[in-house]
């Protein structure tokens, strides 16, 4: 019985200690996407219309993250999964828009 309780405590401690790191990863990804958009503007691979569309989607993701954080004080595993999925889609959109040869 004691061993099972110890395992639960250790598992909980590891989960709680990794939460700030996971939140930081989402923030790093968002910053990286913003940098990629800025690069596309600077080197001319993104048109103003493409940029506006990407920035609008970035804002929606940021709003969702802020709402999720307000609702429970942090991100649940489900919310984190959803945000990562949205960031994956946005990353792909940025790649496609930067490589569609419309800006150059």
Protein backbone atom coordinates (compact mmCIF):
# COMPACT_ATOMS: atom_id res chain seq x y z
CA UNK A 1 0.00 0.00 0.00
CA UNK A 2 2.77 2.45 0.90
CA UNK A 3 4.63 1.73 -2.35
CA UNK A 4 1.53 2.48 -4.42
CA UNK A 5 0.99 5.75 -2.56
CA UNK A 6 4.63 6.72 -3.07
CA UNK A 7 4.32 5.98 -6.79
CA UNK A 8 1.25 8.21 -7.03
CA UNK A 9 3.00 11.05 -5.20
CA UNK A 10 6.10 10.80 -7.41
CA UNK A 11 3.94 10.69 -10.53
CA UNK A 12 1.97 13.75 -9.42
CA UNK A 13 5.15 15.65 -8.56
CA UNK A 14 6.65 14.91 -11.97
CA UNK A 15 3.47 16.04 -13.70
CA UNK A 16 3.31 19.29 -11.76
CA UNK A 17 7.00 20.05 -12.24
CA UNK A 18 6.75 19.57 -16.01
CA UNK A 19 3.70 21.84 -16.42
CA UNK A 20 5.69 25.12 -16.53
CA UNK A 21 8.09 23.60 -19.05
CA UNK A 22 5.21 22.51 -21.27
CA UNK A 23 3.65 25.98 -21.08
CA UNK A 24 7.02 27.46 -21.96
CA UNK A 25 7.22 25.16 -25.00
CA UNK A 26 3.90 26.52 -26.28
CA UNK A 27 5.11 30.08 -25.76
CA UNK A 28 8.38 29.30 -27.54
CA UNK A 29 6.48 27.80 -30.46
CA UNK A 30 4.25 30.87 -30.70
CA UNK A 31 7.31 33.13 -30.67
CA UNK A 32 8.99 31.00 -33.34
CA UNK A 33 5.90 31.22 -35.57
CA UNK A 34 5.86 35.01 -35.17
CA UNK A 35 9.52 35.11 -36.15
CA UNK A 36 8.84 33.01 -39.25
CA UNK A 37 6.03 35.35 -40.27
CA UNK A 38 8.30 38.37 -39.73
CA UNK A 39 10.97 36.73 -41.88
CA UNK A 40 8.40 36.15 -44.62
CA UNK A 41 7.42 39.81 -44.55
CA UNK A 42 11.04 40.94 -44.57
CA UNK A 43 12.20 38.71 -47.43
CA UNK A 44 9.04 39.19 -49.47
CA UNK A 45 7.81 35.57 -49.43
CA UNK A 46 4.55 36.59 -47.73
CA UNK A 47 2.08 38.96 -49.32
CA UNK A 48 0.18 41.45 -47.13
CA UNK A 49 -2.99 39.36 -47.51
CA UNK A 50 -1.20 36.15 -46.51
CA UNK A 51 0.39 37.93 -43.55
CA UNK A 52 -2.96 39.28 -42.35
CA UNK A 53 -4.54 35.83 -42.56
CA UNK A 54 -1.66 34.19 -40.66
CA UNK A 55 -1.62 36.92 -38.01
CA UNK A 56 -5.37 36.58 -37.54
CA UNK A 57 -5.01 32.84 -36.93
CA UNK A 58 -2.11 33.45 -34.53
CA UNK A 59 -4.33 35.86 -32.58
CA UNK A 60 -7.11 33.25 -32.38
CA UNK A 61 -4.67 30.68 -30.98
CA UNK A 62 -3.39 33.22 -28.42
CA UNK A 63 -6.96 34.04 -27.37
CA UNK A 64 -7.79 30.35 -26.95
CA UNK A 65 -4.68 29.81 -24.84
CA UNK A 66 -5.48 32.82 -22.65
CA UNK A 67 -9.08 31.67 -22.18
CA UNK A 68 -7.94 28.14 -21.30
CA UNK A 69 -5.44 29.47 -18.76
CA UNK A 70 -8.05 31.73 -17.14
CA UNK A 71 -10.64 28.96 -16.85
CA UNK A 72 -8.55 26.57 -14.79
CA UNK A 73 -5.40 28.35 -13.76
CA UNK A 74 -3.38 26.34 -16.24
CA UNK A 75 -3.70 24.13 -19.26
CA UNK A 76 -5.21 20.69 -19.00
CA UNK A 77 -3.65 17.90 -21.06
CA UNK A 78 -6.59 18.14 -23.48
CA UNK A 79 -6.16 21.90 -23.88
CA UNK A 80 -2.43 21.47 -24.40
CA UNK A 81 -3.08 18.83 -27.07
CA UNK A 82 -5.54 21.12 -28.84
CA UNK A 83 -3.13 24.05 -28.77
CA UNK A 84 -0.31 21.90 -30.10
CA UNK A 85 -2.57 20.68 -32.89
CA UNK A 86 -3.51 24.25 -33.81
CA UNK A 87 0.14 25.30 -33.71
CA UNK A 88 1.05 22.38 -35.98
CA UNK A 89 -1.60 23.49 -38.47
CA UNK A 90 -0.41 27.10 -38.28
CA UNK A 91 3.19 26.05 -38.79
CA UNK A 92 2.17 24.16 -41.92
CA UNK A 93 0.16 27.16 -43.18
CA UNK A 94 3.17 29.43 -42.71
CA UNK A 95 5.37 27.02 -44.63
CA UNK A 96 2.89 26.75 -47.50
CA UNK A 97 2.38 30.50 -47.73
CA UNK A 98 6.10 31.23 -47.63
CA UNK A 99 6.79 28.72 -50.41
CA UNK A 100 3.91 29.40 -52.80
CA UNK A 101 5.98 31.95 -54.76
CA UNK A 102 3.24 34.61 -54.56
CA UNK A 103 5.37 37.11 -52.67
CA UNK A 104 8.37 37.04 -55.01
